[in-house]
């Protein structure tokens, strides 16, 4: 129990996400428990939490909630759509300057407010549902340790799978489950296979 309490405390410090990360708030109790039992050290989890706090601080400094983050083993996934090019550019500079990031997966785009492409985007609720359903499919899959995966989705219908699989078979299963959703147009695979 003593080992779990520092992990939960570290997770709580990072549980003050930007408003765009409503998924984290809705799933916080499960997330805190899952992260406490992950096959990772307290130090590794604390490093991830510190990085997310820095990215959230950058969003706060710029007064934006247009981006969302997922992280695993200091591999940072950032998604979002900005309609202000100057804010987008400043946010990208701030995120790229965050120390401790081992690998950055940058999936943030600038798309003008009047860009016709916006008409074909999923709305916020459908995007949230896409990611939540993909994560739920992992939870129910035998042979997939869902606590070692992070899932995100964007309004373009892309599901992002980040994490670590203990075998190629587990990675293949997780990827197949991420693709299963009817609104999933593509899956971006950021899973490392490592026992």
Protein backbone atom coordinates (compact mmCIF):
# COMPACT_ATOMS: atom_id res chain seq x y z
CA UNK A 1 0.00 0.00 0.00
CA UNK A 2 2.86 2.40 0.77
CA UNK A 3 4.17 1.95 -2.78
CA UNK A 4 0.75 2.68 -4.31
CA UNK A 5 0.05 5.90 -2.35
CA UNK A 6 2.92 7.91 -3.93
CA UNK A 7 1.76 6.77 -7.35
CA UNK A 8 -1.80 7.90 -6.65
CA UNK A 9 -0.53 11.21 -5.23
CA UNK A 10 1.61 11.80 -8.34
CA UNK A 11 -1.35 10.96 -10.57
CA UNK A 12 -3.57 13.37 -8.65
CA UNK A 13 -1.08 16.19 -9.22
CA UNK A 14 -1.44 15.61 -12.95
CA UNK A 15 -5.21 15.17 -12.72
CA UNK A 16 -5.79 18.90 -13.21
CA UNK A 17 -5.94 18.66 -17.01
CA UNK A 18 -7.01 21.31 -19.44
CA UNK A 19 -10.74 21.37 -20.11
CA UNK A 20 -10.15 19.67 -23.46
CA UNK A 21 -9.16 16.57 -21.51
CA UNK A 22 -12.63 15.91 -20.14
CA UNK A 23 -12.11 12.21 -20.83
CA UNK A 24 -9.45 12.15 -18.11
CA UNK A 25 -11.89 13.67 -15.63
CA UNK A 26 -14.65 11.23 -16.54
CA UNK A 27 -12.37 8.22 -16.23
CA UNK A 28 -10.15 9.53 -13.40
CA UNK A 29 -11.03 6.93 -10.72
CA UNK A 30 -10.29 4.01 -13.05
CA UNK A 31 -7.24 5.79 -14.47
CA UNK A 32 -5.72 6.39 -11.04
CA UNK A 33 -6.20 2.76 -10.04
CA UNK A 34 -4.90 1.46 -13.38
CA UNK A 35 -1.83 3.63 -13.27
CA UNK A 36 -1.13 2.50 -9.73
CA UNK A 37 -0.96 -1.13 -10.90
CA UNK A 38 0.89 -0.57 -14.18
CA UNK A 39 4.05 -2.51 -14.82
CA UNK A 40 6.11 0.68 -14.51
CA UNK A 41 8.06 2.32 -11.74
CA UNK A 42 6.77 5.19 -9.65
CA UNK A 43 9.60 7.29 -11.06
CA UNK A 44 8.52 6.62 -14.66
CA UNK A 45 4.91 7.55 -13.92
CA UNK A 46 6.06 10.70 -12.08
CA UNK A 47 8.14 11.74 -15.12
CA UNK A 48 5.08 11.36 -17.36
CA UNK A 49 2.95 13.38 -14.96
CA UNK A 50 5.54 16.17 -14.80
CA UNK A 51 5.60 16.43 -18.60
CA UNK A 52 1.80 16.63 -18.84
CA UNK A 53 1.74 19.35 -16.16
CA UNK A 54 4.22 21.39 -18.26
CA UNK A 55 2.13 20.98 -21.42
CA UNK A 56 -1.04 21.95 -19.54
CA UNK A 57 0.81 24.99 -18.18
CA UNK A 58 1.68 25.99 -21.75
CA UNK A 59 -2.00 25.75 -22.69
CA UNK A 60 -2.94 27.82 -19.66
CA UNK A 61 -0.34 30.44 -20.48
CA UNK A 62 -1.75 30.74 -24.00
CA UNK A 63 -5.35 30.68 -22.78
CA UNK A 64 -6.29 27.72 -24.94
CA UNK A 65 -7.93 24.35 -24.41
CA UNK A 66 -7.69 23.23 -28.03
CA UNK A 67 -5.17 20.43 -27.46
CA UNK A 68 -5.20 17.13 -25.65
CA UNK A 69 -2.38 14.90 -24.44
CA UNK A 70 -1.67 11.26 -23.79
CA UNK A 71 1.68 10.01 -22.51
CA UNK A 72 3.43 6.73 -21.85
CA UNK A 73 7.07 6.29 -20.87
CA UNK A 74 7.84 9.92 -21.76
CA UNK A 75 6.46 9.41 -25.27
CA UNK A 76 4.05 12.33 -25.62
CA UNK A 77 1.08 12.37 -28.00
CA UNK A 78 -0.52 15.77 -28.60
CA UNK A 79 -3.68 16.19 -30.67
CA UNK A 80 -5.89 19.16 -31.41
CA UNK A 81 -7.12 21.72 -33.89
CA UNK A 82 -6.30 25.41 -33.64
CA UNK A 83 -8.00 28.18 -35.63
CA UNK A 84 -5.50 30.87 -34.59
CA UNK A 85 -2.15 30.40 -36.36
CA UNK A 86 -0.18 32.56 -33.92
CA UNK A 87 -1.46 30.59 -30.91
CA UNK A 88 -0.80 27.33 -32.75
CA UNK A 89 2.81 28.36 -33.49
CA UNK A 90 3.44 29.50 -29.91
CA UNK A 91 1.92 26.34 -28.48
CA UNK A 92 4.07 24.14 -30.72
CA UNK A 93 7.22 26.01 -29.64
CA UNK A 94 6.25 25.67 -25.96
CA UNK A 95 5.57 21.93 -26.25
CA UNK A 96 8.75 21.22 -28.19
CA UNK A 97 10.69 23.03 -25.44
CA UNK A 98 9.34 20.77 -22.67
CA UNK A 99 12.20 18.82 -21.14
CA UNK A 100 12.04 15.10 -20.48
CA UNK A 101 10.08 14.15 -23.60
CA UNK A 102 11.69 11.10 -25.14
CA UNK A 103 9.52 11.13 -28.29
CA UNK A 104 6.90 13.64 -29.44
CA UNK A 105 4.00 12.57 -31.64
CA UNK A 106 2.66 15.90 -32.89
CA UNK A 107 -0.87 15.63 -34.33
CA UNK A 108 -1.99 19.19 -33.77
CA UNK A 109 -3.17 21.05 -36.86
CA UNK A 110 -3.99 24.60 -37.78
CA UNK A 111 -7.30 24.86 -39.62
CA UNK A 112 -8.86 28.28 -40.20
CA UNK A 113 -12.31 28.79 -38.71
CA UNK A 114 -13.80 29.22 -42.19
CA UNK A 115 -11.96 26.29 -43.79
CA UNK A 116 -14.49 24.08 -45.64
CA UNK A 117 -12.74 20.95 -44.26
CA UNK A 118 -14.30 21.74 -40.89
CA UNK A 119 -17.71 20.66 -42.22
CA UNK A 120 -16.55 17.04 -42.49
CA UNK A 121 -15.08 16.86 -38.96
CA UNK A 122 -16.68 14.86 -36.18
CA UNK A 123 -18.19 17.04 -33.47
CA UNK A 124 -16.69 17.10 -29.98
CA UNK A 125 -19.14 14.56 -28.55
CA UNK A 126 -18.58 12.07 -31.38
CA UNK A 127 -14.80 12.48 -31.06
CA UNK A 128 -15.00 11.83 -27.32
CA UNK A 129 -17.17 8.76 -27.93
CA UNK A 130 -14.76 7.44 -30.57
CA UNK A 131 -11.83 7.49 -28.14
CA UNK A 132 -13.81 6.21 -25.17
CA UNK A 133 -15.22 3.28 -27.13
CA UNK A 134 -11.77 2.36 -28.46
CA UNK A 135 -10.38 2.34 -24.91
CA UNK A 136 -13.36 0.25 -23.71
CA UNK A 137 -12.72 -2.34 -26.43
CA UNK A 138 -9.17 -2.77 -25.10
CA UNK A 139 -10.46 -3.28 -21.55
CA UNK A 140 -12.61 -6.18 -22.66
CA UNK A 141 -9.99 -7.93 -24.77
CA UNK A 142 -8.38 -11.09 -23.38
CA UNK A 143 -4.61 -10.98 -23.57
CA UNK A 144 -4.42 -7.17 -23.70
CA UNK A 145 -3.13 -5.36 -20.61
CA UNK A 146 -5.17 -2.20 -21.18
CA UNK A 147 -3.34 -0.34 -18.38
CA UNK A 148 -0.27 -0.24 -20.62
CA UNK A 149 -2.08 1.55 -23.45
CA UNK A 150 -3.36 5.08 -23.98
CA UNK A 151 -6.06 5.86 -26.53
CA UNK A 152 -7.00 9.18 -28.08
CA UNK A 153 -9.16 10.20 -31.03
CA UNK A 154 -9.49 13.30 -33.15
CA UNK A 155 -12.28 14.92 -35.20
CA UNK A 156 -10.79 13.47 -38.40
CA UNK A 157 -11.78 9.95 -37.25
CA UNK A 158 -8.25 8.93 -36.33
CA UNK A 159 -7.71 6.75 -33.26
CA UNK A 160 -4.25 6.94 -31.69
CA UNK A 161 -2.88 3.95 -29.83
CA UNK A 162 0.11 4.62 -27.59
CA UNK A 163 1.80 2.31 -25.12
CA UNK A 164 3.64 -0.92 -24.67
CA UNK A 165 2.69 -4.46 -25.60
CA UNK A 166 4.40 -7.42 -23.97
CA UNK A 167 4.35 -9.40 -27.24
CA UNK A 168 3.62 -8.93 -30.93
CA UNK A 169 0.43 -10.94 -30.44
CA UNK A 170 -0.77 -8.46 -27.79
CA UNK A 171 0.11 -5.51 -30.06
CA UNK A 172 -1.81 -7.08 -32.95
CA UNK A 173 -4.88 -7.68 -30.77
CA UNK A 174 -4.82 -4.14 -29.38
CA UNK A 175 -4.49 -2.65 -32.86
CA UNK A 176 -7.35 -4.78 -34.20
CA UNK A 177 -9.61 -3.68 -31.33
CA UNK A 178 -8.70 -0.02 -31.88
CA UNK A 179 -9.73 -0.36 -35.55
CA UNK A 180 -13.10 -2.01 -34.76
CA UNK A 181 -15.18 1.15 -34.34
CA UNK A 182 -17.56 2.07 -37.15
CA UNK A 183 -16.42 5.71 -37.29
CA UNK A 184 -12.68 4.87 -37.17
CA UNK A 185 -11.08 6.01 -40.42
CA UNK A 186 -7.48 5.25 -39.46
CA UNK A 187 -5.38 4.09 -36.50
CA UNK A 188 -2.04 5.70 -35.71
CA UNK A 189 0.04 2.98 -34.08
CA UNK A 190 2.54 4.14 -31.45
CA UNK A 191 2.83 0.84 -29.61
CA UNK A 192 6.24 -0.49 -28.71
CA UNK A 193 6.60 -4.24 -28.28
CA UNK A 194 8.72 -5.03 -25.27
CA UNK A 195 8.30 -7.73 -22.59
